[in-house]
Protein backbone atom coordinates (compact mmCIF):
# COMPACT_ATOMS: atom_id res chain seq x y z
CA UNK A 1 -1.96 29.98 -21.70
CA UNK A 2 -3.83 30.88 -18.55
CA UNK A 3 -1.95 31.16 -15.07
CA UNK A 4 -3.90 28.03 -14.08
CA UNK A 5 -2.97 25.92 -16.88
CA UNK A 6 0.61 26.98 -16.30
CA UNK A 7 0.67 26.27 -12.64
CA UNK A 8 -0.94 22.59 -13.39
CA UNK A 9 2.00 22.20 -15.88
CA UNK A 10 4.61 23.31 -13.64
CA UNK A 11 3.12 20.94 -11.02
CA UNK A 12 3.32 18.02 -13.35
CA UNK A 13 6.84 18.97 -14.14
CA UNK A 14 7.90 19.27 -10.77
CA UNK A 15 6.20 15.91 -9.87
CA UNK A 16 8.24 14.37 -12.88
CA UNK A 17 11.55 15.66 -11.53
CA UNK A 18 10.84 14.06 -8.27
CA UNK A 19 9.69 10.86 -9.73
CA UNK A 20 11.67 7.75 -9.00
CA UNK A 21 11.18 5.89 -12.21
CA UNK A 22 10.67 2.19 -12.46
CA UNK A 23 14.39 0.67 -12.91
CA UNK A 24 14.77 -0.64 -16.39
CA UNK A 25 14.55 -4.50 -15.73
CA UNK A 26 11.15 -4.15 -14.04
CA UNK A 27 9.86 -1.40 -16.72
CA UNK A 28 6.80 -2.91 -18.34
CA UNK A 29 5.12 -0.52 -21.12
CA UNK A 30 1.77 -1.54 -21.07
CA UNK A 31 -0.35 1.81 -20.79
CA UNK A 32 -1.29 3.73 -23.90
CA UNK A 33 -1.65 7.67 -23.68
CA UNK A 34 -5.27 7.45 -23.33
CA UNK A 35 -5.11 5.04 -20.53
CA UNK A 36 -2.38 6.86 -18.74
CA UNK A 37 -4.33 10.19 -19.03
CA UNK A 38 -7.49 8.70 -17.15
CA UNK A 39 -5.06 7.35 -14.65
CA UNK A 40 -3.65 10.85 -13.94
CA UNK A 41 -6.89 12.51 -14.29
CA UNK A 42 -5.03 14.73 -17.27
CA UNK A 43 -5.52 15.38 -20.68
CA UNK A 44 -3.63 13.36 -23.54
CA UNK A 45 -1.92 16.38 -24.55
CA UNK A 46 -0.40 16.79 -20.91
CA UNK A 47 0.72 13.13 -21.11
CA UNK A 48 2.60 13.77 -24.46
CA UNK A 49 3.91 16.68 -22.94
CA UNK A 50 5.26 14.68 -20.06
CA UNK A 51 6.72 12.22 -22.29
CA UNK A 52 8.61 14.83 -24.28
CA UNK A 53 9.89 16.06 -20.67
CA UNK A 54 11.32 12.61 -19.87
CA UNK A 55 8.47 10.28 -18.67
CA UNK A 56 9.71 6.87 -19.71
CA UNK A 57 7.85 5.56 -22.62
CA UNK A 58 8.29 2.96 -25.53
CA UNK A 59 7.16 3.59 -28.95
CA UNK A 60 4.89 1.02 -30.16
CA UNK A 61 2.65 0.68 -33.36
CA UNK A 62 -0.17 2.90 -32.59
CA UNK A 63 1.73 5.30 -30.24
CA UNK A 64 3.90 5.60 -27.06
CA UNK A 65 3.23 2.89 -24.23
CA UNK A 66 4.08 3.75 -20.53
CA UNK A 67 4.62 1.69 -17.25
CA UNK A 68 1.67 1.62 -15.35
CA UNK A 69 3.55 2.15 -11.95
CA UNK A 70 5.57 5.30 -13.44
CA UNK A 71 2.13 6.89 -14.17
CA UNK A 72 0.28 5.98 -10.88
CA UNK A 73 3.55 7.39 -8.86
CA UNK A 74 3.58 10.36 -10.95
CA UNK A 75 0.10 11.08 -10.17
CA UNK A 76 0.81 10.54 -6.41
CA UNK A 77 3.66 12.78 -6.44
CA UNK A 78 1.82 15.71 -8.21
CA UNK A 79 -0.69 15.93 -5.40
CA UNK A 80 -3.31 17.42 -7.66
CA UNK A 81 -6.14 15.00 -6.10
CA UNK A 82 -7.28 13.95 -9.49
CA UNK A 83 -5.45 10.67 -10.21
CA UNK A 84 -7.08 7.24 -9.51
CA UNK A 85 -4.34 6.40 -7.22
CA UNK A 86 -4.74 9.57 -5.05
CA UNK A 87 -8.63 8.66 -4.90
CA UNK A 88 -7.84 5.21 -3.83
CA UNK A 89 -5.53 6.29 -1.01
CA UNK A 90 -7.97 8.83 0.07
CA UNK A 91 -10.54 6.18 0.48
CA UNK A 92 -8.23 3.97 2.54
CA UNK A 93 -7.13 7.25 4.77
CA UNK A 94 -10.73 7.95 5.85
CA UNK A 95 -9.63 5.67 8.54
CA UNK A 96 -7.23 8.39 9.94
CA UNK A 97 -9.93 11.01 10.52
CA UNK A 98 -12.01 11.26 13.70
CA UNK A 99 -11.03 10.65 17.10
CA UNK A 100 -8.73 8.21 18.76
CA UNK A 101 -11.90 6.38 20.47
CA UNK A 102 -13.00 5.48 16.93
CA UNK A 103 -9.87 3.84 16.06
CA UNK A 104 -10.04 1.12 18.83
CA UNK A 105 -13.57 0.27 19.27
CA UNK A 106 -14.59 -3.29 18.31
CA UNK A 107 -15.78 -3.77 14.74
CA UNK A 108 -17.53 -6.69 13.17
CA UNK A 109 -16.87 -7.27 9.28
CA UNK A 110 -18.50 -9.54 6.51
CA UNK A 111 -16.02 -9.86 4.15
CA UNK A 112 -16.07 -11.15 0.54
CA UNK A 113 -12.52 -12.82 -0.33
CA UNK A 114 -11.55 -13.99 -4.02
CA UNK A 115 -8.34 -15.17 -5.36
CA UNK A 116 -8.45 -14.83 -9.27
CA UNK A 117 -5.53 -15.65 -11.41
CA UNK A 118 -4.40 -13.20 -14.23
CA UNK A 119 -3.83 -16.06 -16.57
CA UNK A 120 -6.27 -17.18 -19.04
CA UNK A 121 -7.71 -20.52 -18.28
CA UNK A 122 -6.68 -20.39 -14.67
CA UNK A 123 -9.37 -20.75 -12.08
CA UNK A 124 -7.36 -19.07 -9.61
CA UNK A 125 -7.34 -20.47 -6.10
CA UNK A 126 -9.70 -20.62 -2.75
CA UNK A 127 -8.53 -17.71 -0.40
CA UNK A 128 -6.85 -18.85 3.06
CA UNK A 129 -8.43 -17.81 6.12
CA UNK A 130 -7.29 -14.63 7.81
CA UNK A 131 -6.12 -14.62 11.26
CA UNK A 132 -7.58 -11.71 13.43
CA UNK A 133 -6.53 -13.51 16.52
CA UNK A 134 -2.98 -12.36 15.83
CA UNK A 135 -3.97 -8.70 16.62
CA UNK A 136 -6.31 -9.63 19.49
CA UNK A 137 -9.61 -10.17 17.07
CA UNK A 138 -11.78 -13.08 16.45
CA UNK A 139 -12.69 -14.98 13.39
CA UNK A 140 -16.57 -15.90 13.53
CA UNK A 141 -16.99 -17.79 10.49
CA UNK A 142 -15.09 -18.63 7.05
CA UNK A 143 -17.32 -20.28 4.57
CA UNK A 144 -17.56 -21.30 0.90
CA UNK A 145 -20.24 -19.25 -1.16
CA UNK A 146 -19.91 -20.46 -4.66
CA UNK A 147 -17.70 -18.28 -6.51
CA UNK A 148 -16.22 -16.63 -3.46
CA UNK A 149 -15.56 -17.23 0.22
CA UNK A 150 -17.13 -15.24 3.06
CA UNK A 151 -15.42 -14.31 6.44
CA UNK A 152 -16.98 -12.98 9.30
CA UNK A 153 -14.36 -11.40 11.77
CA UNK A 154 -14.06 -9.08 14.55
CA UNK A 155 -11.45 -6.48 14.99
CA UNK A 156 -10.08 -4.71 17.83
CA UNK A 157 -7.89 -1.72 18.34
CA UNK A 158 -5.32 -1.54 21.12
CA UNK A 159 -3.70 1.93 22.07
CA UNK A 160 -0.12 1.47 22.97
CA UNK A 161 3.45 3.27 22.52
CA UNK A 162 7.14 2.30 22.78
CA UNK A 163 8.75 2.62 26.19
CA UNK A 164 12.30 2.89 24.84
CA UNK A 165 14.13 5.06 22.48
CA UNK A 166 15.43 2.41 20.30
CA UNK A 167 11.79 1.09 19.40
CA UNK A 168 10.90 4.73 18.76
CA UNK A 169 13.75 5.04 16.50
CA UNK A 170 12.92 2.44 14.12
CA UNK A 171 9.61 4.24 13.44
CA UNK A 172 10.58 7.90 13.64
CA UNK A 173 13.55 7.35 11.60
CA UNK A 174 11.65 5.80 8.59
CA UNK A 175 8.87 8.52 8.71
CA UNK A 176 11.29 11.17 8.58
CA UNK A 177 12.95 9.64 5.36
CA UNK A 178 9.55 9.18 3.99
CA UNK A 179 8.64 12.98 5.00
CA UNK A 180 11.89 14.33 3.34
CA UNK A 181 12.12 11.99 0.04
CA UNK A 182 14.84 9.89 1.07
CA UNK A 183 12.59 7.05 0.50
CA UNK A 184 9.72 7.69 -1.94
CA UNK A 185 6.47 5.54 -1.38
CA UNK A 186 4.53 4.48 -4.27
CA UNK A 187 3.49 1.47 -6.08
CA UNK A 188 5.88 -0.89 -7.04
CA UNK A 189 6.10 -3.86 -9.79
CA UNK A 190 5.61 -7.23 -8.39
CA UNK A 191 9.08 -8.30 -9.15
CA UNK A 192 10.64 -5.45 -7.58
CA UNK A 193 8.68 -5.40 -4.27
CA UNK A 194 9.75 -9.10 -4.24
CA UNK A 195 13.27 -7.72 -4.01
CA UNK A 196 13.20 -5.27 -1.35
CA UNK A 197 16.97 -4.50 -0.86
CA UNK A 198 16.80 -3.66 -4.77
CA UNK A 199 13.83 -1.15 -4.22
CA UNK A 200 15.42 0.32 -1.32
CA UNK A 201 18.46 0.68 -3.25
CA UNK A 202 16.55 2.84 -5.82
CA UNK A 203 14.97 5.00 -3.01
CA UNK A 204 11.56 3.32 -3.62
CA UNK A 205 9.47 1.79 -1.04
CA UNK A 206 6.02 0.40 -0.83
CA UNK A 207 4.28 -1.07 2.51
CA UNK A 208 6.30 -4.44 2.43
CA UNK A 209 9.69 -2.72 1.38
CA UNK A 210 9.27 -0.10 4.16
CA UNK A 211 8.32 -2.90 6.67
CA UNK A 212 11.49 -4.87 5.45
CA UNK A 213 13.71 -1.94 6.21
CA UNK A 214 12.29 -1.47 9.56
CA UNK A 215 12.63 -4.93 10.56
CA UNK A 216 16.34 -4.93 9.20
CA UNK A 217 17.19 -1.84 11.34
CA UNK A 218 15.31 -3.16 14.41
CA UNK A 219 17.34 -6.29 14.20
CA UNK A 220 20.64 -4.34 13.72
CA UNK A 221 19.73 -2.52 16.77
CA UNK A 222 19.52 -5.71 18.93
CA UNK A 223 15.61 -5.90 18.85
CA UNK A 224 13.49 -8.76 17.86
CA UNK A 225 11.31 -7.99 15.06
CA UNK A 226 8.98 -9.44 12.41
CA UNK A 227 6.90 -8.18 9.56
CA UNK A 228 3.12 -8.88 9.41
CA UNK A 229 0.89 -8.83 6.43
CA UNK A 230 -2.88 -8.40 6.01
CA UNK A 231 -5.29 -5.78 4.70
CA UNK A 232 -6.54 -2.37 5.60
CA UNK A 233 -10.14 -3.10 5.66
CA UNK A 234 -12.96 -0.91 4.30
CA UNK A 235 -15.39 -1.21 1.40
CA UNK A 236 -12.61 -2.17 -0.74
CA UNK A 237 -9.56 -3.84 1.25
CA UNK A 238 -6.01 -2.74 0.61
CA UNK A 239 -3.27 -5.08 1.16
CA UNK A 240 -0.85 -4.00 3.76
CA UNK A 241 2.32 -4.82 5.69
CA UNK A 242 3.79 -3.41 8.80
CA UNK A 243 6.70 -4.34 11.24
CA UNK A 244 6.08 -5.51 14.73
CA UNK A 245 8.91 -5.16 17.51
CA UNK A 246 8.99 -7.04 20.70
CA UNK A 247 9.36 -4.82 23.77
CA UNK A 248 9.19 -6.50 27.10
CA UNK A 249 6.29 -9.01 26.56
CA UNK A 250 4.19 -7.36 24.03
CA UNK A 251 4.60 -6.83 20.06
CA UNK A 252 4.20 -3.33 19.14
CA UNK A 253 3.09 -2.59 15.35
CA UNK A 254 4.98 0.24 13.75
CA UNK A 255 3.37 1.61 10.86
CA UNK A 256 4.90 4.98 9.59
CA UNK A 257 3.55 4.39 6.04
CA UNK A 258 -0.12 4.98 7.18
CA UNK A 259 1.10 7.76 9.34
CA UNK A 260 2.94 9.29 6.29
CA UNK A 261 -0.01 8.70 3.85
CA UNK A 262 -2.48 10.35 6.03
CA UNK A 263 -0.32 13.31 6.64
CA UNK A 264 0.32 13.44 2.75
CA UNK A 265 -3.47 13.50 2.12
CA UNK A 266 -4.13 16.00 4.98
CA UNK A 267 -7.01 14.00 6.12
CA UNK A 268 -5.96 12.66 9.45
CA UNK A 269 -6.13 13.84 13.02
CA UNK A 270 -2.80 14.82 14.00
CA UNK A 271 -2.83 12.37 16.93
CA UNK A 272 -2.95 9.34 14.23
CA UNK A 273 0.96 9.90 13.60
CA UNK A 274 1.42 8.87 17.29
CA UNK A 275 -1.12 6.23 17.35
CA UNK A 276 0.65 4.42 14.46
CA UNK A 277 3.73 4.27 16.54
CA UNK A 278 2.73 1.19 18.64
CA UNK A 279 -0.95 1.03 18.36
CA UNK A 280 -3.59 -1.77 16.73
CA UNK A 281 -6.00 -0.13 14.50
CA UNK A 282 -9.34 -1.70 14.03
CA UNK A 283 -9.09 -1.73 10.36
CA UNK A 284 -6.16 -4.07 10.60
CA UNK A 285 -6.66 -7.51 9.73
CA UNK A 286 -3.76 -10.10 9.90
CA UNK A 287 -3.10 -13.10 7.67
CA UNK A 288 -0.92 -15.93 8.40
CA UNK A 289 1.34 -15.77 5.40
CA UNK A 290 4.97 -15.34 5.74
CA UNK A 291 6.24 -11.89 4.93
CA UNK A 292 8.30 -12.83 1.84
CA UNK A 293 5.42 -14.78 0.53
CA UNK A 294 2.02 -13.96 -1.47
CA UNK A 295 -0.97 -13.98 0.76
CA UNK A 296 -2.46 -16.95 -1.24
CA UNK A 297 -0.12 -19.73 -2.44
CA UNK A 298 -0.32 -20.54 -6.18
CA UNK A 299 1.49 -22.68 -8.62
CA UNK A 300 0.04 -21.88 -12.17
CA UNK A 301 0.06 -24.19 -15.07
CA UNK A 302 -0.21 -20.92 -17.11
CA UNK A 303 2.52 -18.93 -15.55
CA UNK A 304 -0.15 -16.66 -13.90
CA UNK A 305 -0.25 -14.75 -10.63
CA UNK A 306 -3.20 -14.68 -7.94
CA UNK A 307 -4.00 -11.36 -6.10
CA UNK A 308 -6.19 -11.94 -2.96
CA UNK A 309 -9.13 -9.46 -2.95
CA UNK A 310 -10.84 -8.62 0.44
CA UNK A 311 -13.91 -6.38 0.06
CA UNK A 312 -16.59 -5.44 2.50
CA UNK A 313 -20.16 -7.28 2.18
CA UNK A 314 -22.90 -4.88 3.01
CA UNK A 315 -26.39 -6.16 4.82
CA UNK A 316 -26.90 -9.68 5.31
């Protein structure tokens, strides 16, 4: 075994040791070993070795099956830059590079919105309109285009920062807990992320669970807080959630998740950590949905679930 191969094996085993596995009631064995290897950017032999070392799997006809979220989170924990999850996060976090002026300048976006259902035979839903005005933006147009909807929006950044220690602590405490592994940020099953107290008790968070934790802590400290949901815009939009705390007459967005991810990928301007403590980024687009509800309501006769997709349209 070469030293390079041995180092990679040690990295995978170290990541597996740190991995917070999907709790039993939410575990779904859907990935075969070949699919898991593609997700991880690793060999099939590596996946089998990880299963032997304790990566949860169920034996099925045709071989072991693994949970998609366990595999994705293992790739993120390894930090080798090979997994599909890391590549997706890296594309999103290009927003954290550059200078702060680029985070606040006005931007105009043409967006393709769809809300397909994952159940066979269900046509899905028409997307609801975003509400960029919630972050001082503008909705210029929202129109049906056959099999999708087109929204034209203007987003604007706004630099700001907390003026009180209580508000700063809501952000700083959770960022420290993400950094030291008290909470492991990753991709959560839909049913688990819908139960933020349960996810937090297992030390597992995504952006919605993290925002819920901060909202709860802010209210315990006597602050007025809410969770906002929407997208981080790019060629492929990423659903996101963050916490807003009322300080004086203004709502401050607190987003330690974006700061943590940018630091993890080592792609950001160091000033981005401070920027996420109270400033509005010009790639954030808010939706008027309640924080504990999906971005598009859907009552499916086939038991399916819709997922809102928000992607940039290039050209005219």
